[in-house]
Amino acid sequence: MKSLNRAVFVFVFDVGGKTWKFYDWSQITTVAIFGQYDSELMCYAHSKGSRVVLKGDISEKEIILPARRAAWIKQKIETAKNQHMDGINIDIEQRVKRKSPEYYALTALVKETTEAFHKEIPGSQVTFDVSWSPECINHDRCYNYTGIADSCDFVFVMSYDEGRYESYIRMGISPKKLVMGVPWYGYDYTCLDLSKCIGITEVVSLQAHVCSFAKLVTQRLPCSKASGHQVSYKIIMNWEKNSLSGVLWDKEQKAPYLEYKDSNGTFHQVWFDDPRSISLKAAYVKEHGLRGIGMWHANCLDYSRGSVAQEQTKVMWEALKPK
């Protein structure tokens, strides 16, 4: 593999297929394979000077026993060697209570995995995916974030909907250990009602573009993932030309959204990231000295050969470069 020489660290998740042939390889430093192993992708990435890493997932109940951890690590190293991979991205998105046996075992797993990979595969990279906030949101993922960050090469912050990097830094985690995650998808919310100011081009009142839900009303702000479903960026861009609103911009959230009516006459509001909002996040990465940026997931763009699709895809990749 050629030596890495990128101005910005860009971490890419790939979920399968052959769209990787059209990625902007001039930027990519690491590809995490979350689909089936593809030797052609591995070889191509190496030819471009990019690392390719495994996905590492194991039940938190399995890691309490040291012997189980050791067996899992051994198996992952063997797989990495056989497939000529450059490390592992540990993705364990499970509930762990603070100070529980799983809490300590998870930290031990990351430390032991990193030490073993670095020893068995010199120059390898071990990373860990963490939540958008380290503050034990919903008493869900109460991990030892500082211990995990200290034990691996860096952590990937899954800040697809929002992120609290200052919270991680205040905990004592170096910005150089943090990679910002951005979404290449959006959320489609079904509205019981949508305010009547749709289509007005001049400044509208604060009541414009309010999507009303059955049990809550959100004003110019997507509520929760439970009330919407994920839609890839390429689909959202196809909706733009037939939308009621075109792409709108929320100054407070610094995010785009659009509105449309489906074939049943139901209103929808779609919130997503586009080159404008991602550029702001890339600027934050540079300003605060974070290690880099990455997306879930690179397959979400339209890699067809149409001129419009090509331009949309090009500017999304370019948005990852901080100005």
C-alpha atoms as a PDB file:
ATOM      1  CA  MET A   1       0.000   0.000   0.000  1.00  0.00           C
ATOM      2  CA  LYS A   2       1.254   3.473  -0.840  1.00  0.00           C
ATOM      3  CA  SER A   3       1.935   5.852   2.035  1.00  0.00           C
ATOM      4  CA  LEU A   4      -1.024   8.027   3.006  1.00  0.00           C
ATOM      5  CA  ASN A   5      -0.709  11.684   2.086  1.00  0.00           C
ATOM      6  CA  ARG A   6      -4.037  13.449   2.514  1.00  0.00           C
ATOM      7  CA  ALA A   7      -4.659  17.028   3.596  1.00  0.00           C
ATOM      8  CA  VAL A   8      -7.766  15.943   5.538  1.00  0.00           C
ATOM      9  CA  PHE A   9      -8.525  12.591   7.167  1.00  0.00           C
ATOM     10  CA  VAL A  10     -11.667  11.149   5.527  1.00  0.00           C
ATOM     11  CA  PHE A  11     -13.214   7.966   6.943  1.00  0.00           C
ATOM     12  CA  VAL A  12     -15.666   6.205   4.612  1.00  0.00           C
ATOM     13  CA  PHE A  13     -18.223   3.504   5.364  1.00  0.00           C
ATOM     14  CA  ASP A  14     -19.083   1.221   2.436  1.00  0.00           C
ATOM     15  CA  VAL A  15     -22.085  -1.128   2.632  1.00  0.00           C
ATOM     16  CA  GLY A  16     -21.576  -3.112  -0.566  1.00  0.00           C
ATOM     17  CA  GLY A  17     -21.992  -3.019  -4.325  1.00  0.00           C
ATOM     18  CA  LYS A  18     -19.663  -1.407  -6.822  1.00  0.00           C
ATOM     19  CA  THR A  19     -20.305   2.291  -6.305  1.00  0.00           C
ATOM     20  CA  TRP A  20     -16.839   2.515  -4.721  1.00  0.00           C
ATOM     21  CA  LYS A  21     -15.433   2.729  -8.246  1.00  0.00           C
ATOM     22  CA  PHE A  22     -16.770   6.302  -8.394  1.00  0.00           C
ATOM     23  CA  TYR A  23     -15.692   7.568  -4.970  1.00  0.00           C
ATOM     24  CA  ASP A  24     -13.339  10.532  -4.692  1.00  0.00           C
ATOM     25  CA  TRP A  25     -10.247   8.486  -3.844  1.00  0.00           C
ATOM     26  CA  SER A  26      -8.080  11.582  -3.723  1.00  0.00           C
ATOM     27  CA  GLN A  27      -9.599  12.250  -0.276  1.00  0.00           C
ATOM     28  CA  ILE A  28     -10.189   8.834   1.301  1.00  0.00           C
ATOM     29  CA  THR A  29      -7.839   7.710   4.049  1.00  0.00           C
ATOM     30  CA  THR A  30      -9.851   4.744   5.384  1.00  0.00           C
ATOM     31  CA  VAL A  31     -12.679   2.578   4.078  1.00  0.00           C
ATOM     32  CA  ALA A  32     -14.612   0.502   6.606  1.00  0.00           C
ATOM     33  CA  ILE A  33     -16.281  -2.438   4.869  1.00  0.00           C
ATOM     34  CA  PHE A  34     -19.727  -2.943   6.398  1.00  0.00           C
ATOM     35  CA  GLY A  35     -20.987  -5.057   3.506  1.00  0.00           C
ATOM     36  CA  GLN A  36     -19.539  -8.239   2.070  1.00  0.00           C
ATOM     37  CA  TYR A  37     -15.785  -8.423   1.669  1.00  0.00           C
ATOM     38  CA  ASP A  38     -14.695  -7.293  -1.785  1.00  0.00           C
ATOM     39  CA  SER A  39     -11.125  -8.128  -2.762  1.00  0.00           C
ATOM     40  CA  GLU A  40     -11.379  -5.831  -5.775  1.00  0.00           C
ATOM     41  CA  LEU A  41     -12.262  -2.915  -3.501  1.00  0.00           C
ATOM     42  CA  MET A  42      -9.410  -3.818  -1.162  1.00  0.00           C
ATOM     43  CA  CYS A  43      -6.851  -3.864  -3.956  1.00  0.00           C
ATOM     44  CA  TYR A  44      -8.142  -0.667  -5.521  1.00  0.00           C
ATOM     45  CA  ALA A  45      -8.127   1.172  -2.208  1.00  0.00           C
ATOM     46  CA  HIS A  46      -4.551   0.082  -1.547  1.00  0.00           C
ATOM     47  CA  SER A  47      -3.522   1.271  -4.988  1.00  0.00           C
ATOM     48  CA  LYS A  48      -4.881   4.699  -4.029  1.00  0.00           C
ATOM     49  CA  GLY A  49      -3.054   4.761  -0.699  1.00  0.00           C
ATOM     50  CA  SER A  50      -6.163   4.174   1.417  1.00  0.00           C
ATOM     51  CA  ARG A  51      -6.577   1.764   4.311  1.00  0.00           C
ATOM     52  CA  VAL A  52      -9.341  -0.852   4.345  1.00  0.00           C
ATOM     53  CA  VAL A  53     -10.631  -2.093   7.694  1.00  0.00           C
ATOM     54  CA  LEU A  54     -12.969  -4.763   9.011  1.00  0.00           C
ATOM     55  CA  LYS A  55     -16.191  -4.244  10.887  1.00  0.00           C
ATOM     56  CA  GLY A  56     -15.934  -5.506  14.460  1.00  0.00           C
ATOM     57  CA  ASP A  57     -19.144  -6.361  16.280  1.00  0.00           C
ATOM     58  CA  ILE A  58     -19.696  -8.604  19.301  1.00  0.00           C
ATOM     59  CA  SER A  59     -22.355  -8.851  22.012  1.00  0.00           C
ATOM     60  CA  GLU A  60     -21.488  -7.024  25.198  1.00  0.00           C
ATOM     61  CA  LYS A  61     -22.374 -10.204  27.092  1.00  0.00           C
ATOM     62  CA  GLU A  62     -19.680 -12.095  25.207  1.00  0.00           C
ATOM     63  CA  ILE A  63     -16.841  -9.813  26.221  1.00  0.00           C
ATOM     64  CA  ILE A  64     -17.106 -10.154  29.994  1.00  0.00           C
ATOM     65  CA  LEU A  65     -14.948 -13.292  29.959  1.00  0.00           C
ATOM     66  CA  PRO A  66     -11.286 -12.610  29.004  1.00  0.00           C
ATOM     67  CA  ALA A  67     -11.091 -15.896  27.114  1.00  0.00           C
ATOM     68  CA  ARG A  68     -14.026 -14.912  24.899  1.00  0.00           C
ATOM     69  CA  ARG A  69     -12.424 -11.553  24.161  1.00  0.00           C
ATOM     70  CA  ALA A  70      -9.116 -13.197  23.284  1.00  0.00           C
ATOM     71  CA  ALA A  71     -10.804 -15.681  20.938  1.00  0.00           C
ATOM     72  CA  TRP A  72     -12.717 -12.917  19.172  1.00  0.00           C
ATOM     73  CA  ILE A  73      -9.590 -10.804  18.740  1.00  0.00           C
ATOM     74  CA  LYS A  74      -7.628 -13.762  17.401  1.00  0.00           C
ATOM     75  CA  GLN A  75     -10.345 -14.529  14.860  1.00  0.00           C
ATOM     76  CA  LYS A  76     -10.500 -10.913  13.676  1.00  0.00           C
ATOM     77  CA  ILE A  77      -6.726 -10.730  13.252  1.00  0.00           C
ATOM     78  CA  GLU A  78      -6.745 -13.938  11.216  1.00  0.00           C
ATOM     79  CA  THR A  79      -9.496 -12.550   9.005  1.00  0.00           C
ATOM     80  CA  ALA A  80      -7.648  -9.262   8.556  1.00  0.00           C
ATOM     81  CA  LYS A  81      -4.452 -11.049   7.569  1.00  0.00           C
ATOM     82  CA  ASN A  82      -6.216 -13.395   5.156  1.00  0.00           C
ATOM     83  CA  GLN A  83      -8.050 -10.520   3.494  1.00  0.00           C
ATOM     84  CA  HIS A  84      -5.056  -8.138   3.500  1.00  0.00           C
ATOM     85  CA  MET A  85      -6.934  -5.626   5.647  1.00  0.00           C
ATOM     86  CA  ASP A  86      -5.369  -2.759   7.557  1.00  0.00           C
ATOM     87  CA  GLY A  87      -7.224  -2.889  10.840  1.00  0.00           C
ATOM     88  CA  ILE A  88     -10.675  -2.927  12.366  1.00  0.00           C
ATOM     89  CA  ASN A  89     -13.503  -0.516  13.147  1.00  0.00           C
ATOM     90  CA  ILE A  90     -15.274  -1.687  16.301  1.00  0.00           C
ATOM     91  CA  ASP A  91     -18.988  -0.945  16.091  1.00  0.00           C
ATOM     92  CA  ILE A  92     -20.749  -2.013  19.284  1.00  0.00           C
ATOM     93  CA  GLU A  93     -23.925   0.057  19.624  1.00  0.00           C
ATOM     94  CA  GLN A  94     -25.377  -1.728  22.633  1.00  0.00           C
ATOM     95  CA  ARG A  95     -26.665  -0.708  26.036  1.00  0.00           C
ATOM     96  CA  VAL A  96     -24.031  -0.589  28.725  1.00  0.00           C
ATOM     97  CA  LYS A  97     -24.604   0.745  32.241  1.00  0.00           C
ATOM     98  CA  ARG A  98     -21.960   2.880  33.887  1.00  0.00           C
ATOM     99  CA  LYS A  99     -19.571   0.916  36.129  1.00  0.00           C
ATOM    100  CA  SER A 100     -21.171  -2.389  35.085  1.00  0.00           C
ATOM    101  CA  PRO A 101     -19.090  -5.505  34.226  1.00  0.00           C
ATOM    102  CA  GLU A 102     -19.767  -4.741  30.551  1.00  0.00           C
ATOM    103  CA  TYR A 103     -18.488  -1.185  31.046  1.00  0.00           C
ATOM    104  CA  TYR A 104     -15.061  -2.405  32.120  1.00  0.00           C
ATOM    105  CA  ALA A 105     -15.023  -5.333  29.692  1.00  0.00           C
ATOM    106  CA  LEU A 106     -15.701  -3.044  26.731  1.00  0.00           C
ATOM    107  CA  THR A 107     -12.753  -0.838  27.609  1.00  0.00           C
ATOM    108  CA  ALA A 108     -10.594  -3.936  27.998  1.00  0.00           C
ATOM    109  CA  LEU A 109     -11.743  -5.236  24.617  1.00  0.00           C
ATOM    110  CA  VAL A 110     -10.699  -2.043  22.846  1.00  0.00           C
ATOM    111  CA  LYS A 111      -7.320  -1.966  24.608  1.00  0.00           C
ATOM    112  CA  GLU A 112      -6.591  -5.637  23.942  1.00  0.00           C
ATOM    113  CA  THR A 113      -7.737  -5.420  20.319  1.00  0.00           C
ATOM    114  CA  THR A 114      -5.529  -2.402  19.671  1.00  0.00           C
ATOM    115  CA  GLU A 115      -2.470  -3.982  21.251  1.00  0.00           C
ATOM    116  CA  ALA A 116      -2.956  -7.256  19.374  1.00  0.00           C
ATOM    117  CA  PHE A 117      -3.577  -5.642  15.969  1.00  0.00           C
ATOM    118  CA  HIS A 118      -0.627  -3.286  16.321  1.00  0.00           C
ATOM    119  CA  LYS A 119       1.597  -6.216  17.222  1.00  0.00           C
ATOM    120  CA  GLU A 120       0.367  -8.708  14.605  1.00  0.00           C
ATOM    121  CA  ILE A 121      -0.218  -6.213  11.768  1.00  0.00           C
ATOM    122  CA  PRO A 122       2.325  -3.378  12.075  1.00  0.00           C
ATOM    123  CA  GLY A 123       0.865  -0.039  11.024  1.00  0.00           C
ATOM    124  CA  SER A 124      -2.705  -1.269  11.435  1.00  0.00           C
ATOM    125  CA  GLN A 125      -5.514   0.985  12.633  1.00  0.00           C
ATOM    126  CA  VAL A 126      -8.053   0.252  15.374  1.00  0.00           C
ATOM    127  CA  THR A 127     -11.027   2.590  15.797  1.00  0.00           C
ATOM    128  CA  PHE A 128     -14.259   2.640  17.767  1.00  0.00           C
ATOM    129  CA  ASP A 129     -17.667   4.141  16.922  1.00  0.00           C
ATOM    130  CA  VAL A 130     -19.149   6.305  19.681  1.00  0.00           C
ATOM    131  CA  SER A 131     -22.475   8.035  20.182  1.00  0.00           C
ATOM    132  CA  TRP A 132     -23.116  11.685  19.278  1.00  0.00           C
ATOM    133  CA  SER A 133     -22.832  12.556  22.973  1.00  0.00           C
ATOM    134  CA  PRO A 134     -20.761  11.059  25.822  1.00  0.00           C
ATOM    135  CA  GLU A 135     -23.331  12.097  28.401  1.00  0.00           C
ATOM    136  CA  CYS A 136     -25.063   8.728  28.770  1.00  0.00           C
ATOM    137  CA  ILE A 137     -28.060   9.772  26.684  1.00  0.00           C
ATOM    138  CA  ASN A 138     -31.210   7.868  27.716  1.00  0.00           C
ATOM    139  CA  HIS A 139     -29.010   5.871  30.114  1.00  0.00           C
ATOM    140  CA  ASP A 140     -28.167   3.860  27.051  1.00  0.00           C
ATOM    141  CA  ARG A 141     -24.493   3.798  26.045  1.00  0.00           C
ATOM    142  CA  CYS A 142     -22.673   4.678  29.243  1.00  0.00           C
ATOM    143  CA  TYR A 143     -19.220   3.791  27.965  1.00  0.00           C
ATOM    144  CA  ASN A 144     -15.825   4.659  29.384  1.00  0.00           C
ATOM    145  CA  TYR A 145     -15.235   7.127  26.577  1.00  0.00           C
ATOM    146  CA  THR A 146     -11.916   8.472  27.780  1.00  0.00           C
ATOM    147  CA  GLY A 147     -10.567   4.978  28.390  1.00  0.00           C
ATOM    148  CA  ILE A 148     -11.717   3.802  24.988  1.00  0.00           C
ATOM    149  CA  ALA A 149     -10.267   6.842  23.204  1.00  0.00           C
ATOM    150  CA  ASP A 150      -6.956   6.379  25.011  1.00  0.00           C
ATOM    151  CA  SER A 151      -6.858   2.704  24.063  1.00  0.00           C
ATOM    152  CA  CYS A 152      -7.441   2.940  20.290  1.00  0.00           C
ATOM    153  CA  ASP A 153      -6.141   5.070  17.441  1.00  0.00           C
ATOM    154  CA  PHE A 154      -9.221   7.302  17.359  1.00  0.00           C
ATOM    155  CA  VAL A 155     -12.986   7.279  17.794  1.00  0.00           C
ATOM    156  CA  PHE A 156     -15.599   7.942  15.112  1.00  0.00           C
ATOM    157  CA  VAL A 157     -18.388  10.130  16.509  1.00  0.00           C
ATOM    158  CA  MET A 158     -21.721   9.088  15.005  1.00  0.00           C
ATOM    159  CA  SER A 159     -23.013  12.658  14.995  1.00  0.00           C
ATOM    160  CA  TYR A 160     -25.332  12.131  12.055  1.00  0.00           C
ATOM    161  CA  ASP A 161     -28.190  14.082  13.634  1.00  0.00           C
ATOM    162  CA  GLU A 162     -26.267  16.273  16.050  1.00  0.00           C
ATOM    163  CA  GLY A 163     -22.996  16.208  17.926  1.00  0.00           C
ATOM    164  CA  ARG A 164     -21.356  17.428  21.123  1.00  0.00           C
ATOM    165  CA  TYR A 165     -17.669  17.505  20.421  1.00  0.00           C
ATOM    166  CA  GLU A 166     -16.993  20.032  23.142  1.00  0.00           C
ATOM    167  CA  SER A 167     -18.304  17.486  25.644  1.00  0.00           C
ATOM    168  CA  TYR A 168     -15.791  14.903  24.461  1.00  0.00           C
ATOM    169  CA  ILE A 169     -12.953  17.424  24.539  1.00  0.00           C
ATOM    170  CA  ARG A 170     -13.892  18.618  28.041  1.00  0.00           C
ATOM    171  CA  MET A 171     -13.619  15.000  29.181  1.00  0.00           C
ATOM    172  CA  GLY A 172      -9.946  15.137  28.248  1.00  0.00           C
ATOM    173  CA  ILE A 173     -10.136  13.448  24.846  1.00  0.00           C
ATOM    174  CA  SER A 174      -7.782  15.055  22.363  1.00  0.00           C
ATOM    175  CA  PRO A 175      -9.469  16.568  19.279  1.00  0.00           C
ATOM    176  CA  LYS A 176      -6.970  14.534  17.246  1.00  0.00           C
ATOM    177  CA  LYS A 177      -8.737  11.420  18.533  1.00  0.00           C
ATOM    178  CA  LEU A 178     -12.125  12.545  17.182  1.00  0.00           C
ATOM    179  CA  VAL A 179     -13.500  12.008  13.677  1.00  0.00           C
ATOM    180  CA  MET A 180     -16.784  13.760  12.895  1.00  0.00           C
ATOM    181  CA  GLY A 181     -19.533  11.637  11.372  1.00  0.00           C
ATOM    182  CA  VAL A 182     -21.933  13.327   8.928  1.00  0.00           C
ATOM    183  CA  PRO A 183     -25.033  11.843   7.252  1.00  0.00           C
ATOM    184  CA  TRP A 184     -25.427  11.321   3.558  1.00  0.00           C
ATOM    185  CA  TYR A 185     -29.106  10.668   4.168  1.00  0.00           C
ATOM    186  CA  GLY A 186     -32.057  12.528   5.625  1.00  0.00           C
ATOM    187  CA  TYR A 187     -35.268  11.956   7.572  1.00  0.00           C
ATOM    188  CA  ASP A 188     -38.682  12.009   5.936  1.00  0.00           C
ATOM    189  CA  TYR A 189     -41.410  13.122   8.371  1.00  0.00           C
ATOM    190  CA  THR A 190     -45.096  12.601   7.636  1.00  0.00           C
ATOM    191  CA  CYS A 191     -47.147  15.647   8.653  1.00  0.00           C
ATOM    192  CA  LEU A 192     -50.720  15.655   9.888  1.00  0.00           C
ATOM    193  CA  ASP A 193     -50.712  19.230   8.714  1.00  0.00           C
ATOM    194  CA  LEU A 194     -48.231  21.653   7.179  1.00  0.00           C
ATOM    195  CA  SER A 195     -48.463  25.408   7.625  1.00  0.00           C
ATOM    196  CA  LYS A 196     -50.035  27.286   4.729  1.00  0.00           C
ATOM    197  CA  CYS A 197     -47.063  29.507   3.931  1.00  0.00           C
ATOM    198  CA  ILE A 198     -45.629  27.005   1.454  1.00  0.00           C
ATOM    199  CA  GLY A 199     -44.358  28.605  -1.733  1.00  0.00           C
ATOM    200  CA  ILE A 200     -43.945  32.142  -0.394  1.00  0.00           C
ATOM    201  CA  THR A 201     -40.540  33.439  -1.438  1.00  0.00           C
ATOM    202  CA  GLU A 202     -40.274  36.558   0.730  1.00  0.00           C
ATOM    203  CA  VAL A 203     -39.662  36.534   4.478  1.00  0.00           C
ATOM    204  CA  VAL A 204     -42.460  34.632   6.211  1.00  0.00           C
ATOM    205  CA  SER A 205     -43.694  34.544   9.786  1.00  0.00           C
ATOM    206  CA  LEU A 206     -42.341  32.206  12.434  1.00  0.00           C
ATOM    207  CA  GLN A 207     -45.350  29.957  11.827  1.00  0.00           C
ATOM    208  CA  ALA A 208     -44.203  29.064   8.318  1.00  0.00           C
ATOM    209  CA  HIS A 209     -43.181  25.513   7.481  1.00  0.00           C
ATOM    210  CA  VAL A 210     -44.446  23.887  10.667  1.00  0.00           C
ATOM    211  CA  CYS A 211     -44.929  20.127  10.323  1.00  0.00           C
ATOM    212  CA  SER A 212     -47.570  18.953  12.825  1.00  0.00           C
ATOM    213  CA  PHE A 213     -47.471  15.437  14.247  1.00  0.00           C
ATOM    214  CA  ALA A 214     -50.020  13.373  16.100  1.00  0.00           C
ATOM    215  CA  LYS A 215     -48.524  13.890  19.574  1.00  0.00           C
ATOM    216  CA  LEU A 216     -46.143  16.795  19.148  1.00  0.00           C
ATOM    217  CA  VAL A 217     -45.533  19.767  16.932  1.00  0.00           C
ATOM    218  CA  THR A 218     -42.064  20.746  15.787  1.00  0.00           C
ATOM    219  CA  GLN A 219     -41.416  24.185  14.431  1.00  0.00           C
ATOM    220  CA  ARG A 220     -38.703  24.270  11.771  1.00  0.00           C
ATOM    221  CA  LEU A 221     -36.933  21.383  13.480  1.00  0.00           C
ATOM    222  CA  PRO A 222     -37.085  17.618  12.957  1.00  0.00           C
ATOM    223  CA  CYS A 223     -38.310  15.985  16.133  1.00  0.00           C
ATOM    224  CA  SER A 224     -37.078  12.428  16.678  1.00  0.00           C
ATOM    225  CA  LYS A 225     -35.956   9.588  14.490  1.00  0.00           C
ATOM    226  CA  ALA A 226     -38.957   7.613  15.714  1.00  0.00           C
ATOM    227  CA  SER A 227     -41.327   9.859  13.768  1.00  0.00           C
ATOM    228  CA  GLY A 228     -39.390   9.789  10.505  1.00  0.00           C
ATOM    229  CA  HIS A 229     -37.620   7.296   8.298  1.00  0.00           C
ATOM    230  CA  GLN A 230     -34.220   7.492   6.659  1.00  0.00           C
ATOM    231  CA  VAL A 231     -33.923   8.392   2.984  1.00  0.00           C
ATOM    232  CA  SER A 232     -30.645   8.483   1.053  1.00  0.00           C
ATOM    233  CA  TYR A 233     -29.394  11.758  -0.385  1.00  0.00           C
ATOM    234  CA  LYS A 234     -29.777  10.565  -3.983  1.00  0.00           C
ATOM    235  CA  ILE A 235     -33.506   9.999  -3.432  1.00  0.00           C
ATOM    236  CA  ILE A 236     -33.970  13.369  -1.752  1.00  0.00           C
ATOM    237  CA  MET A 237     -32.331  15.105  -4.706  1.00  0.00           C
ATOM    238  CA  ASN A 238     -34.783  13.409  -7.041  1.00  0.00           C
ATOM    239  CA  TRP A 239     -37.633  14.789  -4.947  1.00  0.00           C
ATOM    240  CA  GLU A 240     -36.378  18.356  -5.086  1.00  0.00           C
ATOM    241  CA  LYS A 241     -37.668  19.213  -8.548  1.00  0.00           C
ATOM    242  CA  ASN A 242     -41.199  18.006  -7.723  1.00  0.00           C
ATOM    243  CA  SER A 243     -41.302  19.335  -4.176  1.00  0.00           C
ATOM    244  CA  LEU A 244     -43.692  22.037  -2.985  1.00  0.00           C
ATOM    245  CA  SER A 245     -40.906  24.183  -1.620  1.00  0.00           C
ATOM    246  CA  GLY A 246     -37.597  23.452  -3.282  1.00  0.00           C
ATOM    247  CA  VAL A 247     -34.684  23.246  -0.860  1.00  0.00           C
ATOM    248  CA  LEU A 248     -35.182  25.594   2.093  1.00  0.00           C
ATOM    249  CA  TRP A 249     -32.572  26.623   4.673  1.00  0.00           C
ATOM    250  CA  ASP A 250     -33.028  26.819   8.427  1.00  0.00           C
ATOM    251  CA  LYS A 251     -30.703  29.484   9.838  1.00  0.00           C
ATOM    252  CA  GLU A 252     -30.945  28.266  13.413  1.00  0.00           C
ATOM    253  CA  GLN A 253     -30.203  24.620  12.656  1.00  0.00           C
ATOM    254  CA  LYS A 254     -27.905  25.453   9.737  1.00  0.00           C
ATOM    255  CA  ALA A 255     -29.555  22.676   7.794  1.00  0.00           C
ATOM    256  CA  PRO A 256     -31.617  22.287   4.609  1.00  0.00           C
ATOM    257  CA  TYR A 257     -35.077  20.795   4.303  1.00  0.00           C
ATOM    258  CA  LEU A 258     -37.824  20.454   1.707  1.00  0.00           C
ATOM    259  CA  GLU A 259     -41.529  19.733   1.637  1.00  0.00           C
ATOM    260  CA  TYR A 260     -43.642  17.618  -0.683  1.00  0.00           C
ATOM    261  CA  LYS A 261     -47.078  16.055  -1.017  1.00  0.00           C
ATOM    262  CA  ASP A 262     -47.329  12.334  -1.756  1.00  0.00           C
ATOM    263  CA  SER A 263     -49.807  10.590  -4.070  1.00  0.00           C
ATOM    264  CA  ASN A 264     -52.295  10.283  -1.193  1.00  0.00           C
ATOM    265  CA  GLY A 265     -52.265  14.031  -0.625  1.00  0.00           C
ATOM    266  CA  THR A 266     -50.232  13.767   2.589  1.00  0.00           C
ATOM    267  CA  PHE A 267     -47.657  16.431   3.369  1.00  0.00           C
ATOM    268  CA  HIS A 268     -44.052  15.505   4.175  1.00  0.00           C
ATOM    269  CA  GLN A 269     -41.089  17.459   5.488  1.00  0.00           C
ATOM    270  CA  VAL A 270     -37.591  16.128   4.800  1.00  0.00           C
ATOM    271  CA  TRP A 271     -34.496  17.226   6.738  1.00  0.00           C
ATOM    272  CA  PHE A 272     -31.039  16.340   5.497  1.00  0.00           C
ATOM    273  CA  ASP A 273     -27.470  17.524   4.968  1.00  0.00           C
ATOM    274  CA  ASP A 274     -26.247  18.958   1.682  1.00  0.00           C
ATOM    275  CA  PRO A 275     -22.935  20.490   0.514  1.00  0.00           C
ATOM    276  CA  ARG A 276     -23.723  23.781   2.268  1.00  0.00           C
ATOM    277  CA  SER A 277     -24.341  22.248   5.701  1.00  0.00           C
ATOM    278  CA  ILE A 278     -21.539  19.702   5.390  1.00  0.00           C
ATOM    279  CA  SER A 279     -19.104  22.467   4.431  1.00  0.00           C
ATOM    280  CA  LEU A 280     -19.937  24.197   7.728  1.00  0.00           C
ATOM    281  CA  LYS A 281     -19.200  20.986   9.597  1.00  0.00           C
ATOM    282  CA  ALA A 282     -15.943  20.487   7.711  1.00  0.00           C
ATOM    283  CA  ALA A 283     -14.966  24.018   8.701  1.00  0.00           C
ATOM    284  CA  TYR A 284     -15.666  23.097  12.332  1.00  0.00           C
ATOM    285  CA  VAL A 285     -13.336  20.100  11.996  1.00  0.00           C
ATOM    286  CA  LYS A 286     -10.551  22.362  10.801  1.00  0.00           C
ATOM    287  CA  GLU A 287     -11.202  25.162  13.288  1.00  0.00           C
ATOM    288  CA  HIS A 288     -11.262  22.853  16.317  1.00  0.00           C
ATOM    289  CA  GLY A 289      -8.451  20.587  15.177  1.00  0.00           C
ATOM    290  CA  LEU A 290     -10.444  17.365  14.921  1.00  0.00           C
ATOM    291  CA  ARG A 291      -8.716  14.420  13.304  1.00  0.00           C
ATOM    292  CA  GLY A 292     -11.077  14.310  10.345  1.00  0.00           C
ATOM    293  CA  ILE A 293     -14.539  13.721   8.943  1.00  0.00           C
ATOM    294  CA  GLY A 294     -16.482  10.772   7.561  1.00  0.00           C
ATOM    295  CA  MET A 295     -19.926   9.759   6.390  1.00  0.00           C
ATOM    296  CA  TRP A 296     -22.566   7.112   6.791  1.00  0.00           C
ATOM    297  CA  HIS A 297     -22.487   5.986   4.163  1.00  0.00           C
ATOM    298  CA  ALA A 298     -20.686   6.574   0.866  1.00  0.00           C
ATOM    299  CA  ASN A 299     -23.178   4.500  -1.137  1.00  0.00           C
ATOM    300  CA  CYS A 300     -25.950   7.071  -0.523  1.00  0.00           C
ATOM    301  CA  LEU A 301     -25.011   9.258  -3.492  1.00  0.00           C
ATOM    302  CA  ASP A 302     -26.091   8.876  -7.106  1.00  0.00           C
ATOM    303  CA  TYR A 303     -23.093   7.518  -9.017  1.00  0.00           C
ATOM    304  CA  SER A 304     -24.916   7.146 -12.324  1.00  0.00           C
ATOM    305  CA  ARG A 305     -23.425   8.876 -15.335  1.00  0.00           C
ATOM    306  CA  GLY A 306     -26.096  11.552 -15.763  1.00  0.00           C
ATOM    307  CA  SER A 307     -24.727  15.096 -15.730  1.00  0.00           C
ATOM    308  CA  VAL A 308     -26.984  16.264 -12.887  1.00  0.00           C
ATOM    309  CA  ALA A 309     -26.147  13.242 -10.736  1.00  0.00           C
ATOM    310  CA  GLN A 310     -22.446  13.655 -11.420  1.00  0.00           C
ATOM    311  CA  GLU A 311     -22.506  17.286 -10.315  1.00  0.00           C
ATOM    312  CA  GLN A 312     -24.511  16.538  -7.162  1.00  0.00           C
ATOM    313  CA  THR A 313     -22.117  13.755  -6.229  1.00  0.00           C
ATOM    314  CA  LYS A 314     -19.032  15.833  -6.979  1.00  0.00           C
ATOM    315  CA  VAL A 315     -20.056  18.731  -4.755  1.00  0.00           C
ATOM    316  CA  MET A 316     -20.978  16.422  -1.872  1.00  0.00           C
ATOM    317  CA  TRP A 317     -17.487  14.928  -1.894  1.00  0.00           C
ATOM    318  CA  GLU A 318     -15.906  18.363  -2.243  1.00  0.00           C
ATOM    319  CA  ALA A 319     -17.880  19.592   0.783  1.00  0.00           C
ATOM    320  CA  LEU A 320     -15.717  17.339   2.979  1.00  0.00           C
ATOM    321  CA  LYS A 321     -12.734  19.586   2.312  1.00  0.00           C
ATOM    322  CA  PRO A 322     -12.589  22.449   4.828  1.00  0.00           C
ATOM    323  CA  LYS A 323     -12.208  25.867   3.197  1.00  0.00           C
END
